[in-house]
Amino acid sequence: TLLISGGLVELGLWRYSQYRYQEEQRFLRAQAYEMRAVL
């Protein structure tokens, strides 16, 4: 039970980190387009 619970937690955290990375990349790209427009 502990291993399954821990595995589910780790799987959820891994998926969250992937999602967070993708969202931050989208956010950074939007900021990059704006900074390029200013330049």
PDB file of all heavy atoms in Angstrom:
ATOM      1  N   THR A   1       0.832  -1.209   0.000  1.00  0.00           N
ATOM      2  CA  THR A   1       0.000   0.000   0.000  1.00  0.00           C
ATOM      3  C   THR A   1       0.862   1.252   0.000  1.00  0.00           C
ATOM      4  O   THR A   1       0.594   2.225  -0.732  1.00  0.00           O
ATOM      5  CB  THR A   1      -0.925   0.003   1.228  1.00  0.00           C
ATOM      6  OG1 THR A   1      -1.750  -1.174   1.209  1.00  0.00           O
ATOM      7  CG2 THR A   1      -1.808   1.244   1.244  1.00  0.00           C
ATOM      8  N   LEU A   2       1.915   1.219   0.825  1.00  0.00           N
ATOM      9  CA  LEU A   2       2.817   2.370   0.895  1.00  0.00           C
ATOM     10  C   LEU A   2       3.507   2.608  -0.442  1.00  0.00           C
ATOM     11  O   LEU A   2       3.602   3.743  -0.919  1.00  0.00           O
ATOM     12  CB  LEU A   2       3.847   2.141   2.003  1.00  0.00           C
ATOM     13  CG  LEU A   2       4.899   3.249   2.182  1.00  0.00           C
ATOM     14  CD1 LEU A   2       4.225   4.572   2.547  1.00  0.00           C
ATOM     15  CD2 LEU A   2       5.916   2.836   3.237  1.00  0.00           C
ATOM     16  N   LEU A   3       3.970   1.486  -1.057  1.00  0.00           N
ATOM     17  CA  LEU A   3       4.661   1.633  -2.342  1.00  0.00           C
ATOM     18  C   LEU A   3       3.711   2.124  -3.425  1.00  0.00           C
ATOM     19  O   LEU A   3       4.085   2.962  -4.253  1.00  0.00           O
ATOM     20  CB  LEU A   3       5.292   0.300  -2.753  1.00  0.00           C
ATOM     21  CG  LEU A   3       6.479  -0.175  -1.890  1.00  0.00           C
ATOM     22  CD1 LEU A   3       6.954  -1.551  -2.344  1.00  0.00           C
ATOM     23  CD2 LEU A   3       7.629   0.833  -1.960  1.00  0.00           C
ATOM     24  N   ILE A   4       2.478   1.580  -3.440  1.00  0.00           N
ATOM     25  CA  ILE A   4       1.512   2.039  -4.444  1.00  0.00           C
ATOM     26  C   ILE A   4       1.169   3.508  -4.231  1.00  0.00           C
ATOM     27  O   ILE A   4       1.126   4.306  -5.183  1.00  0.00           O
ATOM     28  CB  ILE A   4       0.242   1.168  -4.404  1.00  0.00           C
ATOM     29  CG1 ILE A   4       0.561  -0.255  -4.878  1.00  0.00           C
ATOM     30  CG2 ILE A   4      -0.855   1.782  -5.262  1.00  0.00           C
ATOM     31  CD1 ILE A   4      -0.606  -1.207  -4.759  1.00  0.00           C
ATOM     32  N   SER A   5       0.914   3.856  -2.961  1.00  0.00           N
ATOM     33  CA  SER A   5       0.590   5.255  -2.668  1.00  0.00           C
ATOM     34  C   SER A   5       1.746   6.167  -3.053  1.00  0.00           C
ATOM     35  O   SER A   5       1.551   7.228  -3.680  1.00  0.00           O
ATOM     36  CB  SER A   5       0.263   5.421  -1.183  1.00  0.00           C
ATOM     37  OG  SER A   5      -0.837   4.609  -0.819  1.00  0.00           O
ATOM     38  N   GLY A   6       2.962   5.750  -2.668  1.00  0.00           N
ATOM     39  CA  GLY A   6       4.134   6.556  -3.015  1.00  0.00           C
ATOM     40  C   GLY A   6       4.331   6.640  -4.519  1.00  0.00           C
ATOM     41  O   GLY A   6       4.692   7.694  -5.053  1.00  0.00           O
ATOM     42  N   GLY A   7       4.086   5.493  -5.210  1.00  0.00           N
ATOM     43  CA  GLY A   7       4.211   5.515  -6.672  1.00  0.00           C
ATOM     44  C   GLY A   7       3.224   6.459  -7.312  1.00  0.00           C
ATOM     45  O   GLY A   7       3.557   7.181  -8.266  1.00  0.00           O
ATOM     46  N   LEU A   8       1.964   6.461  -6.805  1.00  0.00           N
ATOM     47  CA  LEU A   8       0.963   7.379  -7.331  1.00  0.00           C
ATOM     48  C   LEU A   8       1.355   8.834  -7.079  1.00  0.00           C
ATOM     49  O   LEU A   8       1.170   9.714  -7.939  1.00  0.00           O
ATOM     50  CB  LEU A   8      -0.399   7.079  -6.709  1.00  0.00           C
ATOM     51  CG  LEU A   8      -1.059   5.759  -7.137  1.00  0.00           C
ATOM     52  CD1 LEU A   8      -2.331   5.525  -6.332  1.00  0.00           C
ATOM     53  CD2 LEU A   8      -1.362   5.775  -8.631  1.00  0.00           C
ATOM     54  N   VAL A   9       1.892   9.075  -5.874  1.00  0.00           N
ATOM     55  CA  VAL A   9       2.345  10.432  -5.560  1.00  0.00           C
ATOM     56  C   VAL A   9       3.455  10.858  -6.517  1.00  0.00           C
ATOM     57  O   VAL A   9       3.438  11.960  -7.084  1.00  0.00           O
ATOM     58  CB  VAL A   9       2.825  10.530  -4.099  1.00  0.00           C
ATOM     59  CG1 VAL A   9       3.526  11.861  -3.849  1.00  0.00           C
ATOM     60  CG2 VAL A   9       1.645  10.376  -3.153  1.00  0.00           C
ATOM     61  N   GLU A  10       4.457   9.971  -6.704  1.00  0.00           N
ATOM     62  CA  GLU A  10       5.576  10.302  -7.585  1.00  0.00           C
ATOM     63  C   GLU A  10       5.112  10.487  -9.026  1.00  0.00           C
ATOM     64  O   GLU A  10       5.594  11.373  -9.737  1.00  0.00           O
ATOM     65  CB  GLU A  10       6.644   9.209  -7.512  1.00  0.00           C
ATOM     66  CG  GLU A  10       7.362   9.130  -6.177  1.00  0.00           C
ATOM     67  CD  GLU A  10       8.136  10.407  -5.876  1.00  0.00           C
ATOM     68  OE1 GLU A  10       8.608  11.071  -6.832  1.00  0.00           O
ATOM     69  OE2 GLU A  10       8.274  10.756  -4.688  1.00  0.00           O
ATOM     70  N   LEU A  11       4.170   9.627  -9.468  1.00  0.00           N
ATOM     71  CA  LEU A  11       3.650   9.779 -10.825  1.00  0.00           C
ATOM     72  C   LEU A  11       2.923  11.119 -10.976  1.00  0.00           C
ATOM     73  O   LEU A  11       3.096  11.826 -11.980  1.00  0.00           O
ATOM     74  CB  LEU A  11       2.695   8.623 -11.139  1.00  0.00           C
ATOM     75  CG  LEU A  11       2.008   8.681 -12.511  1.00  0.00           C
ATOM     76  CD1 LEU A  11       3.046   8.643 -13.632  1.00  0.00           C
ATOM     77  CD2 LEU A  11       1.009   7.536 -12.655  1.00  0.00           C
ATOM     78  N   GLY A  12       2.107  11.449  -9.984  1.00  0.00           N
ATOM     79  CA  GLY A  12       1.402  12.727 -10.048  1.00  0.00           C
ATOM     80  C   GLY A  12       2.360  13.907 -10.041  1.00  0.00           C
ATOM     81  O   GLY A  12       2.172  14.868 -10.796  1.00  0.00           O
ATOM     82  N   LEU A  13       3.394  13.847  -9.203  1.00  0.00           N
ATOM     83  CA  LEU A  13       4.362  14.946  -9.148  1.00  0.00           C
ATOM     84  C   LEU A  13       5.149  15.060 -10.442  1.00  0.00           C
ATOM     85  O   LEU A  13       5.481  16.161 -10.891  1.00  0.00           O
ATOM     86  CB  LEU A  13       5.307  14.732  -7.967  1.00  0.00           C
ATOM     87  CG  LEU A  13       4.665  14.904  -6.584  1.00  0.00           C
ATOM     88  CD1 LEU A  13       5.668  14.529  -5.494  1.00  0.00           C
ATOM     89  CD2 LEU A  13       4.166  16.322  -6.394  1.00  0.00           C
ATOM     90  N   TRP A  14       5.458  13.929 -11.059  1.00  0.00           N
ATOM     91  CA  TRP A  14       6.202  13.962 -12.333  1.00  0.00           C
ATOM     92  C   TRP A  14       5.357  14.629 -13.422  1.00  0.00           C
ATOM     93  O   TRP A  14       5.853  15.469 -14.176  1.00  0.00           O
ATOM     94  CB  TRP A  14       6.578  12.541 -12.749  1.00  0.00           C
ATOM     95  CG  TRP A  14       7.260  12.495 -14.085  1.00  0.00           C
ATOM     96  CD1 TRP A  14       8.565  12.744 -14.356  1.00  0.00           C
ATOM     97  CD2 TRP A  14       6.635  12.194 -15.347  1.00  0.00           C
ATOM     98  NE1 TRP A  14       8.809  12.629 -15.703  1.00  0.00           N
ATOM     99  CE2 TRP A  14       7.646  12.297 -16.336  1.00  0.00           C
ATOM    100  CE3 TRP A  14       5.342  11.863 -15.728  1.00  0.00           C
ATOM    101  CZ2 TRP A  14       7.384  12.061 -17.685  1.00  0.00           C
ATOM    102  CZ3 TRP A  14       5.083  11.636 -17.074  1.00  0.00           C
ATOM    103  CH2 TRP A  14       6.101  11.733 -18.040  1.00  0.00           C
ATOM    104  N   ARG A  15       4.061  14.249 -13.451  1.00  0.00           N
ATOM    105  CA  ARG A  15       3.195  14.848 -14.458  1.00  0.00           C
ATOM    106  C   ARG A  15       3.007  16.346 -14.187  1.00  0.00           C
ATOM    107  O   ARG A  15       2.933  17.158 -15.123  1.00  0.00           O
ATOM    108  CB  ARG A  15       1.836  14.148 -14.469  1.00  0.00           C
ATOM    109  CG  ARG A  15       1.924  12.693 -14.914  1.00  0.00           C
ATOM    110  CD  ARG A  15       0.575  12.095 -15.184  1.00  0.00           C
ATOM    111  NE  ARG A  15      -0.113  12.813 -16.252  1.00  0.00           N
ATOM    112  CZ  ARG A  15      -1.259  12.408 -16.784  1.00  0.00           C
ATOM    113  NH1 ARG A  15      -1.838  11.296 -16.344  1.00  0.00           N
ATOM    114  NH2 ARG A  15      -1.836  13.113 -17.734  1.00  0.00           N
ATOM    115  N   TYR A  16       2.928  16.700 -12.925  1.00  0.00           N
ATOM    116  CA  TYR A  16       2.811  18.115 -12.580  1.00  0.00           C
ATOM    117  C   TYR A  16       4.051  18.897 -13.021  1.00  0.00           C
ATOM    118  O   TYR A  16       3.943  20.003 -13.580  1.00  0.00           O
ATOM    119  CB  TYR A  16       2.611  18.264 -11.075  1.00  0.00           C
ATOM    120  CG  TYR A  16       2.817  19.680 -10.573  1.00  0.00           C
ATOM    121  CD1 TYR A  16       1.937  20.697 -10.918  1.00  0.00           C
ATOM    122  CD2 TYR A  16       3.902  19.999  -9.756  1.00  0.00           C
ATOM    123  CE1 TYR A  16       2.118  21.989 -10.474  1.00  0.00           C
ATOM    124  CE2 TYR A  16       4.101  21.283  -9.312  1.00  0.00           C
ATOM    125  CZ  TYR A  16       3.209  22.277  -9.663  1.00  0.00           C
ATOM    126  OH  TYR A  16       3.403  23.554  -9.230  1.00  0.00           O
ATOM    127  N   SER A  17       5.228  18.324 -12.777  1.00  0.00           N
ATOM    128  CA  SER A  17       6.459  19.019 -13.176  1.00  0.00           C
ATOM    129  C   SER A  17       6.523  19.182 -14.690  1.00  0.00           C
ATOM    130  O   SER A  17       6.982  20.219 -15.202  1.00  0.00           O
ATOM    131  CB  SER A  17       7.696  18.275 -12.671  1.00  0.00           C
ATOM    132  OG  SER A  17       7.805  17.003 -13.284  1.00  0.00           O
ATOM    133  N   GLN A  18       6.045  18.161 -15.442  1.00  0.00           N
ATOM    134  CA  GLN A  18       6.017  18.284 -16.897  1.00  0.00           C
ATOM    135  C   GLN A  18       5.048  19.384 -17.338  1.00  0.00           C
ATOM    136  O   GLN A  18       5.361  20.192 -18.235  1.00  0.00           O
ATOM    137  CB  GLN A  18       5.611  16.943 -17.525  1.00  0.00           C
ATOM    138  CG  GLN A  18       6.637  15.833 -17.350  1.00  0.00           C
ATOM    139  CD  GLN A  18       7.948  16.183 -18.040  1.00  0.00           C
ATOM    140  OE1 GLN A  18       7.972  16.487 -19.225  1.00  0.00           O
ATOM    141  NE2 GLN A  18       9.038  16.136 -17.304  1.00  0.00           N
ATOM    142  N   TYR A  19       3.892  19.402 -16.726  1.00  0.00           N
ATOM    143  CA  TYR A  19       2.909  20.426 -17.066  1.00  0.00           C
ATOM    144  C   TYR A  19       3.443  21.827 -16.723  1.00  0.00           C
ATOM    145  O   TYR A  19       3.309  22.778 -17.513  1.00  0.00           O
ATOM    146  CB  TYR A  19       1.598  20.163 -16.321  1.00  0.00           C
ATOM    147  CG  TYR A  19       0.620  21.304 -16.413  1.00  0.00           C
ATOM    148  CD1 TYR A  19      -0.184  21.454 -17.528  1.00  0.00           C
ATOM    149  CD2 TYR A  19       0.531  22.238 -15.372  1.00  0.00           C
ATOM    150  CE1 TYR A  19      -1.078  22.507 -17.621  1.00  0.00           C
ATOM    151  CE2 TYR A  19      -0.352  23.300 -15.472  1.00  0.00           C
ATOM    152  CZ  TYR A  19      -1.160  23.424 -16.591  1.00  0.00           C
ATOM    153  OH  TYR A  19      -2.028  24.483 -16.677  1.00  0.00           O
ATOM    154  N   ARG A  20       4.029  21.914 -15.528  1.00  0.00           N
ATOM    155  CA  ARG A  20       4.568  23.204 -15.102  1.00  0.00           C
ATOM    156  C   ARG A  20       5.660  23.684 -16.047  1.00  0.00           C
ATOM    157  O   ARG A  20       5.716  24.866 -16.403  1.00  0.00           O
ATOM    158  CB  ARG A  20       5.117  23.071 -13.681  1.00  0.00           C
ATOM    159  CG  ARG A  20       5.776  24.332 -13.154  1.00  0.00           C
ATOM    160  CD  ARG A  20       6.250  24.115 -11.752  1.00  0.00           C
ATOM    161  NE  ARG A  20       7.267  25.069 -11.388  1.00  0.00           N
ATOM    162  CZ  ARG A  20       7.969  25.018 -10.275  1.00  0.00           C
ATOM    163  NH1 ARG A  20       7.745  24.031  -9.422  1.00  0.00           N
ATOM    164  NH2 ARG A  20       8.874  25.926  -9.999  1.00  0.00           N
ATOM    165  N   TYR A  21       6.497  22.774 -16.495  1.00  0.00           N
ATOM    166  CA  TYR A  21       7.549  23.139 -17.442  1.00  0.00           C
ATOM    167  C   TYR A  21       6.948  23.663 -18.753  1.00  0.00           C
ATOM    168  O   TYR A  21       7.377  24.689 -19.292  1.00  0.00           O
ATOM    169  CB  TYR A  21       8.436  21.929 -17.715  1.00  0.00           C
ATOM    170  CG  TYR A  21       9.369  22.122 -18.884  1.00  0.00           C
ATOM    171  CD1 TYR A  21      10.522  22.905 -18.761  1.00  0.00           C
ATOM    172  CD2 TYR A  21       9.098  21.538 -20.118  1.00  0.00           C
ATOM    173  CE1 TYR A  21      11.363  23.094 -19.838  1.00  0.00           C
ATOM    174  CE2 TYR A  21       9.941  21.721 -21.191  1.00  0.00           C
ATOM    175  CZ  TYR A  21      11.072  22.496 -21.050  1.00  0.00           C
ATOM    176  OH  TYR A  21      11.898  22.684 -22.125  1.00  0.00           O
ATOM    177  N   GLN A  22       5.935  22.973 -19.268  1.00  0.00           N
ATOM    178  CA  GLN A  22       5.308  23.392 -20.518  1.00  0.00           C
ATOM    179  C   GLN A  22       4.641  24.757 -20.379  1.00  0.00           C
ATOM    180  O   GLN A  22       4.750  25.614 -21.271  1.00  0.00           O
ATOM    181  CB  GLN A  22       4.289  22.344 -20.967  1.00  0.00           C
ATOM    182  CG  GLN A  22       4.917  21.015 -21.373  1.00  0.00           C
ATOM    183  CD  GLN A  22       3.872  19.944 -21.629  1.00  0.00           C
ATOM    184  OE1 GLN A  22       2.669  20.204 -21.534  1.00  0.00           O
ATOM    185  NE2 GLN A  22       4.317  18.744 -21.954  1.00  0.00           N
ATOM    186  N   GLU A  23       3.966  24.978 -19.250  1.00  0.00           N
ATOM    187  CA  GLU A  23       3.317  26.266 -19.044  1.00  0.00           C
ATOM    188  C   GLU A  23       4.331  27.387 -18.910  1.00  0.00           C
ATOM    189  O   GLU A  23       4.142  28.493 -19.435  1.00  0.00           O
ATOM    190  CB  GLU A  23       2.431  26.201 -17.784  1.00  0.00           C
ATOM    191  CG  GLU A  23       1.192  25.338 -17.925  1.00  0.00           C
ATOM    192  CD  GLU A  23       0.254  25.888 -18.975  1.00  0.00           C
ATOM    193  OE1 GLU A  23      -0.171  27.052 -18.845  1.00  0.00           O
ATOM    194  OE2 GLU A  23      -0.030  25.160 -19.944  1.00  0.00           O
ATOM    195  N   GLU A  24       5.424  27.126 -18.218  1.00  0.00           N
ATOM    196  CA  GLU A  24       6.463  28.142 -18.069  1.00  0.00           C
ATOM    197  C   GLU A  24       7.118  28.442 -19.411  1.00  0.00           C
ATOM    198  O   GLU A  24       7.480  29.588 -19.688  1.00  0.00           O
ATOM    199  CB  GLU A  24       7.498  27.683 -17.047  1.00  0.00           C
ATOM    200  CG  GLU A  24       6.978  27.721 -15.610  1.00  0.00           C
ATOM    201  CD  GLU A  24       7.993  27.240 -14.591  1.00  0.00           C
ATOM    202  OE1 GLU A  24       8.988  26.603 -15.019  1.00  0.00           O
ATOM    203  OE2 GLU A  24       7.795  27.494 -13.404  1.00  0.00           O
ATOM    204  N   GLN A  25       7.264  27.403 -20.253  1.00  0.00           N
ATOM    205  CA  GLN A  25       7.809  27.642 -21.578  1.00  0.00           C
ATOM    206  C   GLN A  25       6.869  28.519 -22.404  1.00  0.00           C
ATOM    207  O   GLN A  25       7.319  29.427 -23.114  1.00  0.00           O
ATOM    208  CB  GLN A  25       8.054  26.307 -22.292  1.00  0.00           C
ATOM    209  CG  GLN A  25       9.266  25.550 -21.774  1.00  0.00           C
ATOM    210  CD  GLN A  25      10.562  26.258 -22.107  1.00  0.00           C
ATOM    211  OE1 GLN A  25      10.916  26.400 -23.272  1.00  0.00           O
ATOM    212  NE2 GLN A  25      11.289  26.695 -21.089  1.00  0.00           N
ATOM    213  N   ARG A  26       5.564  28.272 -22.321  1.00  0.00           N
ATOM    214  CA  ARG A  26       4.603  29.116 -23.034  1.00  0.00           C
ATOM    215  C   ARG A  26       4.660  30.552 -22.520  1.00  0.00           C
ATOM    216  O   ARG A  26       4.622  31.521 -23.305  1.00  0.00           O
ATOM    217  CB  ARG A  26       3.181  28.557 -22.871  1.00  0.00           C
ATOM    218  CG  ARG A  26       2.941  27.225 -23.561  1.00  0.00           C
ATOM    219  CD  ARG A  26       1.449  26.889 -23.581  1.00  0.00           C
ATOM    220  NE  ARG A  26       1.207  25.543 -24.046  1.00  0.00           N
ATOM    221  CZ  ARG A  26       0.987  24.499 -23.274  1.00  0.00           C
ATOM    222  NH1 ARG A  26       0.943  24.662 -21.958  1.00  0.00           N
ATOM    223  NH2 ARG A  26       0.781  23.304 -23.776  1.00  0.00           N
ATOM    224  N   PHE A  27       4.724  30.677 -21.199  1.00  0.00           N
ATOM    225  CA  PHE A  27       4.799  32.012 -20.607  1.00  0.00           C
ATOM    226  C   PHE A  27       6.079  32.734 -21.038  1.00  0.00           C
ATOM    227  O   PHE A  27       6.045  33.910 -21.427  1.00  0.00           O
ATOM    228  CB  PHE A  27       4.742  31.889 -19.087  1.00  0.00           C
ATOM    229  CG  PHE A  27       4.948  33.189 -18.370  1.00  0.00           C
ATOM    230  CD1 PHE A  27       3.962  34.155 -18.348  1.00  0.00           C
ATOM    231  CD2 PHE A  27       6.138  33.436 -17.698  1.00  0.00           C
ATOM    232  CE1 PHE A  27       4.154  35.354 -17.687  1.00  0.00           C
ATOM    233  CE2 PHE A  27       6.334  34.636 -17.043  1.00  0.00           C
ATOM    234  CZ  PHE A  27       5.348  35.591 -17.029  1.00  0.00           C
ATOM    235  N   LEU A  28       7.206  32.021 -20.988  1.00  0.00           N
ATOM    236  CA  LEU A  28       8.473  32.630 -21.396  1.00  0.00           C
ATOM    237  C   LEU A  28       8.452  33.032 -22.864  1.00  0.00           C
ATOM    238  O   LEU A  28       8.980  34.083 -23.244  1.00  0.00           O
ATOM    239  CB  LEU A  28       9.637  31.662 -21.144  1.00  0.00           C
ATOM    240  CG  LEU A  28      10.222  31.635 -19.732  1.00  0.00           C
ATOM    241  CD1 LEU A  28      11.332  30.597 -19.644  1.00  0.00           C
ATOM    242  CD2 LEU A  28      10.765  33.006 -19.339  1.00  0.00           C
ATOM    243  N   ARG A  29       7.854  32.188 -23.713  1.00  0.00           N
ATOM    244  CA  ARG A  29       7.804  32.513 -25.134  1.00  0.00           C
ATOM    245  C   ARG A  29       6.955  33.771 -25.364  1.00  0.00           C
ATOM    246  O   ARG A  29       7.320  34.622 -26.185  1.00  0.00           O
ATOM    247  CB  ARG A  29       7.247  31.334 -25.927  1.00  0.00           C
ATOM    248  CG  ARG A  29       7.272  31.528 -27.434  1.00  0.00           C
ATOM    249  CD  ARG A  29       7.126  30.214 -28.169  1.00  0.00           C
ATOM    250  NE  ARG A  29       8.283  29.370 -27.968  1.00  0.00           N
ATOM    251  CZ  ARG A  29       9.400  29.455 -28.687  1.00  0.00           C
ATOM    252  NH1 ARG A  29       9.498  30.364 -29.651  1.00  0.00           N
ATOM    253  NH2 ARG A  29      10.408  28.660 -28.452  1.00  0.00           N
ATOM    254  N   ALA A  30       5.844  33.886 -24.643  1.00  0.00           N
ATOM    255  CA  ALA A  30       5.023  35.093 -24.764  1.00  0.00           C
ATOM    256  C   ALA A  30       5.817  36.327 -24.330  1.00  0.00           C
ATOM    257  O   ALA A  30       5.753  37.386 -24.979  1.00  0.00           O
ATOM    258  CB  ALA A  30       3.749  34.950 -23.939  1.00  0.00           C
ATOM    259  N   GLN A  31       6.565  36.195 -23.232  1.00  0.00           N
ATOM    260  CA  GLN A  31       7.393  37.311 -22.772  1.00  0.00           C
ATOM    261  C   GLN A  31       8.491  37.637 -23.779  1.00  0.00           C
ATOM    262  O   GLN A  31       8.821  38.812 -24.009  1.00  0.00           O
ATOM    263  CB  GLN A  31       8.015  36.965 -21.412  1.00  0.00           C
ATOM    264  CG  GLN A  31       7.024  36.853 -20.270  1.00  0.00           C
ATOM    265  CD  GLN A  31       6.443  38.200 -19.887  1.00  0.00           C
ATOM    266  OE1 GLN A  31       7.100  39.223 -19.989  1.00  0.00           O
ATOM    267  NE2 GLN A  31       5.200  38.202 -19.460  1.00  0.00           N
ATOM    268  N   ALA A  32       9.074  36.593 -24.393  1.00  0.00           N
ATOM    269  CA  ALA A  32      10.133  36.803 -25.376  1.00  0.00           C
ATOM    270  C   ALA A  32       9.607  37.561 -26.587  1.00  0.00           C
ATOM    271  O   ALA A  32      10.273  38.470 -27.110  1.00  0.00           O
ATOM    272  CB  ALA A  32      10.732  35.459 -25.802  1.00  0.00           C
ATOM    273  N   TYR A  33       8.398  37.227 -27.054  1.00  0.00           N
ATOM    274  CA  TYR A  33       7.813  37.948 -28.184  1.00  0.00           C
ATOM    275  C   TYR A  33       7.598  39.419 -27.827  1.00  0.00           C
ATOM    276  O   TYR A  33       7.824  40.313 -28.654  1.00  0.00           O
ATOM    277  CB  TYR A  33       6.486  37.307 -28.587  1.00  0.00           C
ATOM    278  CG  TYR A  33       6.641  36.138 -29.527  1.00  0.00           C
ATOM    279  CD1 TYR A  33       6.318  34.837 -29.121  1.00  0.00           C
ATOM    280  CD2 TYR A  33       7.102  36.314 -30.829  1.00  0.00           C
ATOM    281  CE1 TYR A  33       6.466  33.759 -29.982  1.00  0.00           C
ATOM    282  CE2 TYR A  33       7.251  35.244 -31.693  1.00  0.00           C
ATOM    283  CZ  TYR A  33       6.931  33.971 -31.273  1.00  0.00           C
ATOM    284  OH  TYR A  33       7.087  32.904 -32.119  1.00  0.00           O
ATOM    285  N   GLU A  34       7.169  39.666 -26.594  1.00  0.00           N
ATOM    286  CA  GLU A  34       6.943  41.048 -26.191  1.00  0.00           C
ATOM    287  C   GLU A  34       8.257  41.817 -26.098  1.00  0.00           C
ATOM    288  O   GLU A  34       8.351  42.963 -26.558  1.00  0.00           O
ATOM    289  CB  GLU A  34       6.211  41.083 -24.849  1.00  0.00           C
ATOM    290  CG  GLU A  34       5.866  42.489 -24.406  1.00  0.00           C
ATOM    291  CD  GLU A  34       5.046  42.509 -23.135  1.00  0.00           C
ATOM    292  OE1 GLU A  34       4.553  41.431 -22.731  1.00  0.00           O
ATOM    293  OE2 GLU A  34       4.908  43.588 -22.552  1.00  0.00           O
ATOM    294  N   MET A  35       9.295  41.193 -25.518  1.00  0.00           N
ATOM    295  CA  MET A  35      10.592  41.874 -25.409  1.00  0.00           C
ATOM    296  C   MET A  35      11.177  42.114 -26.796  1.00  0.00           C
ATOM    297  O   MET A  35      11.808  43.153 -27.047  1.00  0.00           O
ATOM    298  CB  MET A  35      11.549  41.030 -24.570  1.00  0.00           C
ATOM    299  CG  MET A  35      11.128  40.844 -23.112  1.00  0.00           C
ATOM    300  SD  MET A  35      10.928  42.408 -22.206  1.00  0.00           S
ATOM    301  CE  MET A  35      12.609  43.014 -22.223  1.00  0.00           C
ATOM    302  N   ARG A  36      10.987  41.173 -27.724  1.00  0.00           N
ATOM    303  CA  ARG A  36      11.485  41.382 -29.087  1.00  0.00           C
ATOM    304  C   ARG A  36      10.758  42.553 -29.751  1.00  0.00           C
ATOM    305  O   ARG A  36      11.375  43.361 -30.461  1.00  0.00           O
ATOM    306  CB  ARG A  36      11.312  40.117 -29.922  1.00  0.00           C
ATOM    307  CG  ARG A  36      11.897  40.259 -31.336  1.00  0.00           C
ATOM    308  CD  ARG A  36      11.851  38.979 -32.124  1.00  0.00           C
ATOM    309  NE  ARG A  36      10.501  38.608 -32.510  1.00  0.00           N
ATOM    310  CZ  ARG A  36      10.223  37.608 -33.340  1.00  0.00           C
ATOM    311  NH1 ARG A  36      11.211  36.881 -33.856  1.00  0.00           N
ATOM    312  NH2 ARG A  36       8.979  37.303 -33.634  1.00  0.00           N
ATOM    313  N   ALA A  37       9.448  42.662 -29.514  1.00  0.00           N
ATOM    314  CA  ALA A  37       8.688  43.775 -30.089  1.00  0.00           C
ATOM    315  C   ALA A  37       9.200  45.111 -29.560  1.00  0.00           C
ATOM    316  O   ALA A  37       9.308  46.087 -30.315  1.00  0.00           O
ATOM    317  CB  ALA A  37       7.198  43.605 -29.774  1.00  0.00           C
ATOM    318  N   VAL A  38       9.517  45.173 -28.271  1.00  0.00           N
ATOM    319  CA  VAL A  38      10.054  46.406 -27.687  1.00  0.00           C
ATOM    320  C   VAL A  38      11.404  46.741 -28.308  1.00  0.00           C
ATOM    321  O   VAL A  38      11.668  47.897 -28.686  1.00  0.00           O
ATOM    322  CB  VAL A  38      10.183  46.268 -26.156  1.00  0.00           C
ATOM    323  CG1 VAL A  38      10.913  47.478 -25.566  1.00  0.00           C
ATOM    324  CG2 VAL A  38       8.818  46.115 -25.510  1.00  0.00           C
ATOM    325  N   LEU A  39      12.287  45.739 -28.440  1.00  0.00           N
ATOM    326  CA  LEU A  39      13.612  45.957 -29.028  1.00  0.00           C
ATOM    327  C   LEU A  39      13.488  46.480 -30.454  1.00  0.00           C
ATOM    328  O   LEU A  39      14.138  47.469 -30.834  1.00  0.00           O
ATOM    329  CB  LEU A  39      14.407  44.643 -29.003  1.00  0.00           C
ATOM    330  CG  LEU A  39      15.751  44.643 -29.751  1.00  0.00           C
ATOM    331  CD1 LEU A  39      16.710  45.653 -29.148  1.00  0.00           C
ATOM    332  CD2 LEU A  39      16.361  43.246 -29.744  1.00  0.00           C
TER     333      LEU A  39
END
